[in-house]
Amino acid sequence: MDSKLILVFVAIAVTAGIYFWQNQIAASDELKGILLLPSVKGCAETANGMTTKSLGGGTEQEPKIEINGNEVVYSRATNHLCCRKVEIAKETRKSVINIYEVWSGIGCKCMCFSEIKAELQNVPSGTYTVNVYVKGTESISEAPMGQILIISREITVR
């Protein structure tokens, strides 16, 4: 094969690669401006790094994802073992937004109730898949638990 032809192929491949990665980085940078405002009320609060023990339960609410302007809100209410705490995290890439409930602590022998909410602000216009997962540690051993998808929804932010 002619060396000039090979050079042309290499130049085209490099240019295409640069274009691809510039678009990937631009899309990724755009999503980095999304602000996460987590809220945990009840036994699983992480204030001062401690959870509280309390008896009683509340009315569970199925997980839901709502859109309000350029804000995406995930929420649910759940009964769970006492002495567990949850923290909320997010991950964004391309058109996927992942929200994580990260549970930790060995559960006590009582039941508690917590309301969990994650508000994502400054979400750019576009169509996204929003996934919410539960992960962290097992309630009886602190061994890592598998990541479990609890809700997924395709949304459009205008």
C-alpha atoms as a PDB file:
ATOM      1  CA  MET A   1       0.000   0.000   0.000  1.00  0.00           C
ATOM      2  CA  ASP A   2       1.248   3.485  -0.788  1.00  0.00           C
ATOM      3  CA  SER A   3       2.657   5.366   2.249  1.00  0.00           C
ATOM      4  CA  LYS A   4       0.690   8.525   1.323  1.00  0.00           C
ATOM      5  CA  LEU A   5      -2.561   6.545   1.369  1.00  0.00           C
ATOM      6  CA  ILE A   6      -1.685   5.099   4.782  1.00  0.00           C
ATOM      7  CA  LEU A   7      -0.914   8.592   6.055  1.00  0.00           C
ATOM      8  CA  VAL A   8      -4.324   9.812   4.815  1.00  0.00           C
ATOM      9  CA  PHE A   9      -6.093   6.924   6.602  1.00  0.00           C
ATOM     10  CA  VAL A  10      -4.216   7.664   9.836  1.00  0.00           C
ATOM     11  CA  ALA A  11      -5.047  11.385   9.583  1.00  0.00           C
ATOM     12  CA  ILE A  12      -8.751  10.601   9.054  1.00  0.00           C
ATOM     13  CA  ALA A  13      -8.780   8.171  11.995  1.00  0.00           C
ATOM     14  CA  VAL A  14      -7.046  10.641  14.320  1.00  0.00           C
ATOM     15  CA  THR A  15      -9.389  13.480  13.294  1.00  0.00           C
ATOM     16  CA  ALA A  16     -12.454  11.288  13.827  1.00  0.00           C
ATOM     17  CA  GLY A  17     -11.140  10.204  17.227  1.00  0.00           C
ATOM     18  CA  ILE A  18     -10.471  13.777  18.327  1.00  0.00           C
ATOM     19  CA  TYR A  19     -13.955  14.847  17.183  1.00  0.00           C
ATOM     20  CA  PHE A  20     -15.562  11.921  19.039  1.00  0.00           C
ATOM     21  CA  TRP A  21     -13.742  12.612  22.321  1.00  0.00           C
ATOM     22  CA  GLN A  22     -14.361  16.371  22.147  1.00  0.00           C
ATOM     23  CA  ASN A  23     -18.093  15.675  21.870  1.00  0.00           C
ATOM     24  CA  GLN A  24     -17.939  13.143  24.726  1.00  0.00           C
ATOM     25  CA  ILE A  25     -16.073  15.574  26.978  1.00  0.00           C
ATOM     26  CA  ALA A  26     -18.444  18.444  26.105  1.00  0.00           C
ATOM     27  CA  ALA A  27     -21.500  16.313  26.943  1.00  0.00           C
ATOM     28  CA  SER A  28     -19.849  15.108  30.153  1.00  0.00           C
ATOM     29  CA  ASP A  29     -18.851  18.645  31.198  1.00  0.00           C
ATOM     30  CA  GLU A  30     -22.398  19.868  30.588  1.00  0.00           C
ATOM     31  CA  LEU A  31     -23.755  17.277  33.036  1.00  0.00           C
ATOM     32  CA  LYS A  32     -21.132  18.118  35.682  1.00  0.00           C
ATOM     33  CA  GLY A  33     -23.097  21.311  36.416  1.00  0.00           C
ATOM     34  CA  ILE A  34     -25.974  19.274  37.838  1.00  0.00           C
ATOM     35  CA  LEU A  35     -26.319  19.909  41.570  1.00  0.00           C
ATOM     36  CA  LEU A  36     -27.401  17.123  43.937  1.00  0.00           C
ATOM     37  CA  LEU A  37     -29.421  18.165  46.983  1.00  0.00           C
ATOM     38  CA  PRO A  38     -29.943  15.018  49.079  1.00  0.00           C
ATOM     39  CA  SER A  39     -32.461  14.815  51.907  1.00  0.00           C
ATOM     40  CA  VAL A  40     -32.938  11.976  54.385  1.00  0.00           C
ATOM     41  CA  LYS A  41     -35.514  12.325  57.156  1.00  0.00           C
ATOM     42  CA  GLY A  42     -36.066   9.713  59.830  1.00  0.00           C
ATOM     43  CA  CYS A  43     -33.920   6.910  61.191  1.00  0.00           C
ATOM     44  CA  ALA A  44     -31.519   6.743  58.250  1.00  0.00           C
ATOM     45  CA  GLU A  45     -30.347  10.355  58.606  1.00  0.00           C
ATOM     46  CA  THR A  46     -26.606  10.746  58.525  1.00  0.00           C
ATOM     47  CA  ALA A  47     -26.328  13.943  60.581  1.00  0.00           C
ATOM     48  CA  ASN A  48     -23.203  13.716  62.748  1.00  0.00           C
ATOM     49  CA  GLY A  49     -22.526  10.318  61.184  1.00  0.00           C
ATOM     50  CA  MET A  50     -25.017   8.614  63.497  1.00  0.00           C
ATOM     51  CA  THR A  51     -28.365   6.982  62.990  1.00  0.00           C
ATOM     52  CA  THR A  52     -31.036   6.939  65.636  1.00  0.00           C
ATOM     53  CA  LYS A  53     -33.087   4.062  66.948  1.00  0.00           C
ATOM     54  CA  SER A  54     -36.803   4.619  67.055  1.00  0.00           C
ATOM     55  CA  LEU A  55     -39.769   2.345  67.014  1.00  0.00           C
ATOM     56  CA  GLY A  56     -42.639   2.688  64.687  1.00  0.00           C
ATOM     57  CA  GLY A  57     -43.168   2.870  61.033  1.00  0.00           C
ATOM     58  CA  GLY A  58     -44.677   5.137  58.502  1.00  0.00           C
ATOM     59  CA  THR A  59     -46.556   4.861  55.274  1.00  0.00           C
ATOM     60  CA  GLU A  60     -44.245   3.563  52.617  1.00  0.00           C
ATOM     61  CA  GLN A  61     -44.176   5.482  49.329  1.00  0.00           C
ATOM     62  CA  GLU A  62     -43.152   3.750  46.122  1.00  0.00           C
ATOM     63  CA  PRO A  63     -40.066   5.231  44.432  1.00  0.00           C
ATOM     64  CA  LYS A  64     -40.920   8.000  41.979  1.00  0.00           C
ATOM     65  CA  ILE A  65     -39.085  10.340  39.632  1.00  0.00           C
ATOM     66  CA  GLU A  66     -40.644  13.717  38.815  1.00  0.00           C
ATOM     67  CA  ILE A  67     -39.623  16.650  36.627  1.00  0.00           C
ATOM     68  CA  ASN A  68     -40.167  20.303  37.537  1.00  0.00           C
ATOM     69  CA  GLY A  69     -38.591  22.643  34.977  1.00  0.00           C
ATOM     70  CA  ASN A  70     -34.863  21.845  34.912  1.00  0.00           C
ATOM     71  CA  GLU A  71     -35.085  19.947  38.208  1.00  0.00           C
ATOM     72  CA  VAL A  72     -35.423  16.176  38.563  1.00  0.00           C
ATOM     73  CA  VAL A  73     -36.700  14.857  41.903  1.00  0.00           C
ATOM     74  CA  TYR A  74     -36.438  11.269  43.140  1.00  0.00           C
ATOM     75  CA  SER A  75     -38.258  10.286  46.317  1.00  0.00           C
ATOM     76  CA  ARG A  76     -39.503   7.344  48.323  1.00  0.00           C
ATOM     77  CA  ALA A  77     -40.415   6.466  51.903  1.00  0.00           C
ATOM     78  CA  THR A  78     -39.445   3.128  53.378  1.00  0.00           C
ATOM     79  CA  ASN A  79     -39.500   1.014  56.522  1.00  0.00           C
ATOM     80  CA  HIS A  80     -36.115  -0.553  57.290  1.00  0.00           C
ATOM     81  CA  LEU A  81     -34.048  -2.001  60.125  1.00  0.00           C
ATOM     82  CA  CYS A  82     -32.947   0.497  62.776  1.00  0.00           C
ATOM     83  CA  CYS A  83     -29.265   1.471  63.042  1.00  0.00           C
ATOM     84  CA  ARG A  84     -28.871   1.724  59.271  1.00  0.00           C
ATOM     85  CA  LYS A  85     -27.935   4.953  57.543  1.00  0.00           C
ATOM     86  CA  VAL A  86     -28.207   6.036  53.937  1.00  0.00           C
ATOM     87  CA  GLU A  87     -26.296   8.554  51.866  1.00  0.00           C
ATOM     88  CA  ILE A  88     -27.298   9.750  48.417  1.00  0.00           C
ATOM     89  CA  ALA A  89     -24.870   9.964  45.487  1.00  0.00           C
ATOM     90  CA  LYS A  90     -25.148  10.631  41.756  1.00  0.00           C
ATOM     91  CA  GLU A  91     -23.242   9.740  38.635  1.00  0.00           C
ATOM     92  CA  THR A  92     -23.761  11.225  35.176  1.00  0.00           C
ATOM     93  CA  ARG A  93     -22.496  10.132  31.802  1.00  0.00           C
ATOM     94  CA  LYS A  94     -23.812  10.968  28.368  1.00  0.00           C
ATOM     95  CA  SER A  95     -27.606  10.812  28.653  1.00  0.00           C
ATOM     96  CA  VAL A  96     -27.726   8.629  31.780  1.00  0.00           C
ATOM     97  CA  ILE A  97     -28.189   9.933  35.311  1.00  0.00           C
ATOM     98  CA  ASN A  98     -27.689   7.387  38.085  1.00  0.00           C
ATOM     99  CA  ILE A  99     -28.799   8.108  41.642  1.00  0.00           C
ATOM    100  CA  TYR A 100     -27.589   5.830  44.424  1.00  0.00           C
ATOM    101  CA  GLU A 101     -28.978   5.115  47.878  1.00  0.00           C
ATOM    102  CA  VAL A 102     -25.842   3.895  49.659  1.00  0.00           C
ATOM    103  CA  TRP A 103     -26.847   1.998  52.823  1.00  0.00           C
ATOM    104  CA  SER A 104     -24.473   1.106  55.670  1.00  0.00           C
ATOM    105  CA  GLY A 105     -24.472  -0.088  59.259  1.00  0.00           C
ATOM    106  CA  ILE A 106     -25.551  -3.322  60.881  1.00  0.00           C
ATOM    107  CA  GLY A 107     -29.286  -3.334  61.484  1.00  0.00           C
ATOM    108  CA  CYS A 108     -30.710  -3.491  64.996  1.00  0.00           C
ATOM    109  CA  LYS A 109     -33.699  -5.635  65.983  1.00  0.00           C
ATOM    110  CA  CYS A 110     -36.320  -2.925  65.461  1.00  0.00           C
ATOM    111  CA  MET A 111     -37.957  -1.237  62.491  1.00  0.00           C
ATOM    112  CA  CYS A 112     -37.585   2.401  61.502  1.00  0.00           C
ATOM    113  CA  PHE A 113     -39.031   4.695  58.870  1.00  0.00           C
ATOM    114  CA  SER A 114     -37.190   7.127  56.576  1.00  0.00           C
ATOM    115  CA  GLU A 115     -38.089   9.503  53.764  1.00  0.00           C
ATOM    116  CA  ILE A 116     -35.425   9.706  51.060  1.00  0.00           C
ATOM    117  CA  LYS A 117     -35.231  12.454  48.463  1.00  0.00           C
ATOM    118  CA  ALA A 118     -32.695  13.547  45.851  1.00  0.00           C
ATOM    119  CA  GLU A 119     -33.190  16.804  43.983  1.00  0.00           C
ATOM    120  CA  LEU A 120     -31.077  17.318  40.888  1.00  0.00           C
ATOM    121  CA  GLN A 121     -30.913  20.984  39.906  1.00  0.00           C
ATOM    122  CA  ASN A 122     -29.568  22.656  36.758  1.00  0.00           C
ATOM    123  CA  VAL A 123     -30.268  19.651  34.538  1.00  0.00           C
ATOM    124  CA  PRO A 124     -29.612  20.771  30.930  1.00  0.00           C
ATOM    125  CA  SER A 125     -32.338  20.405  28.310  1.00  0.00           C
ATOM    126  CA  GLY A 126     -32.380  16.948  26.794  1.00  0.00           C
ATOM    127  CA  THR A 127     -33.645  13.411  27.097  1.00  0.00           C
ATOM    128  CA  TYR A 128     -32.170  11.274  29.863  1.00  0.00           C
ATOM    129  CA  THR A 129     -32.539   7.861  31.416  1.00  0.00           C
ATOM    130  CA  VAL A 130     -32.693   8.258  35.188  1.00  0.00           C
ATOM    131  CA  ASN A 131     -31.847   5.111  37.173  1.00  0.00           C
ATOM    132  CA  VAL A 132     -32.036   4.782  40.940  1.00  0.00           C
ATOM    133  CA  TYR A 133     -30.065   2.014  42.633  1.00  0.00           C
ATOM    134  CA  VAL A 134     -29.738   0.707  46.179  1.00  0.00           C
ATOM    135  CA  LYS A 135     -26.239  -0.411  47.130  1.00  0.00           C
ATOM    136  CA  GLY A 136     -23.891  -0.403  50.084  1.00  0.00           C
ATOM    137  CA  THR A 137     -23.535  -3.071  52.754  1.00  0.00           C
ATOM    138  CA  GLU A 138     -25.761  -5.891  53.964  1.00  0.00           C
ATOM    139  CA  SER A 139     -27.785  -5.139  57.080  1.00  0.00           C
ATOM    140  CA  ILE A 140     -26.627  -8.237  58.990  1.00  0.00           C
ATOM    141  CA  SER A 141     -22.936  -8.448  58.141  1.00  0.00           C
ATOM    142  CA  GLU A 142     -21.629  -5.238  56.536  1.00  0.00           C
ATOM    143  CA  ALA A 143     -20.612  -7.382  53.543  1.00  0.00           C
ATOM    144  CA  PRO A 144     -21.029  -5.565  50.237  1.00  0.00           C
ATOM    145  CA  MET A 145     -24.484  -6.016  48.777  1.00  0.00           C
ATOM    146  CA  GLY A 146     -25.162  -6.123  45.082  1.00  0.00           C
ATOM    147  CA  GLN A 147     -26.428  -3.046  43.322  1.00  0.00           C
ATOM    148  CA  ILE A 148     -30.219  -3.248  42.885  1.00  0.00           C
ATOM    149  CA  LEU A 149     -32.195  -1.119  40.416  1.00  0.00           C
ATOM    150  CA  ILE A 150     -35.344   0.169  42.147  1.00  0.00           C
ATOM    151  CA  ILE A 151     -36.703   2.529  39.476  1.00  0.00           C
ATOM    152  CA  SER A 152     -35.776   3.671  35.978  1.00  0.00           C
ATOM    153  CA  ARG A 153     -37.483   6.324  33.882  1.00  0.00           C
ATOM    154  CA  GLU A 154     -36.781   8.125  30.638  1.00  0.00           C
ATOM    155  CA  ILE A 155     -37.360  11.858  31.041  1.00  0.00           C
ATOM    156  CA  THR A 156     -37.226  14.948  28.873  1.00  0.00           C
ATOM    157  CA  VAL A 157     -36.100  18.242  30.359  1.00  0.00           C
ATOM    158  CA  ARG A 158     -37.135  21.240  28.294  1.00  0.00           C
END
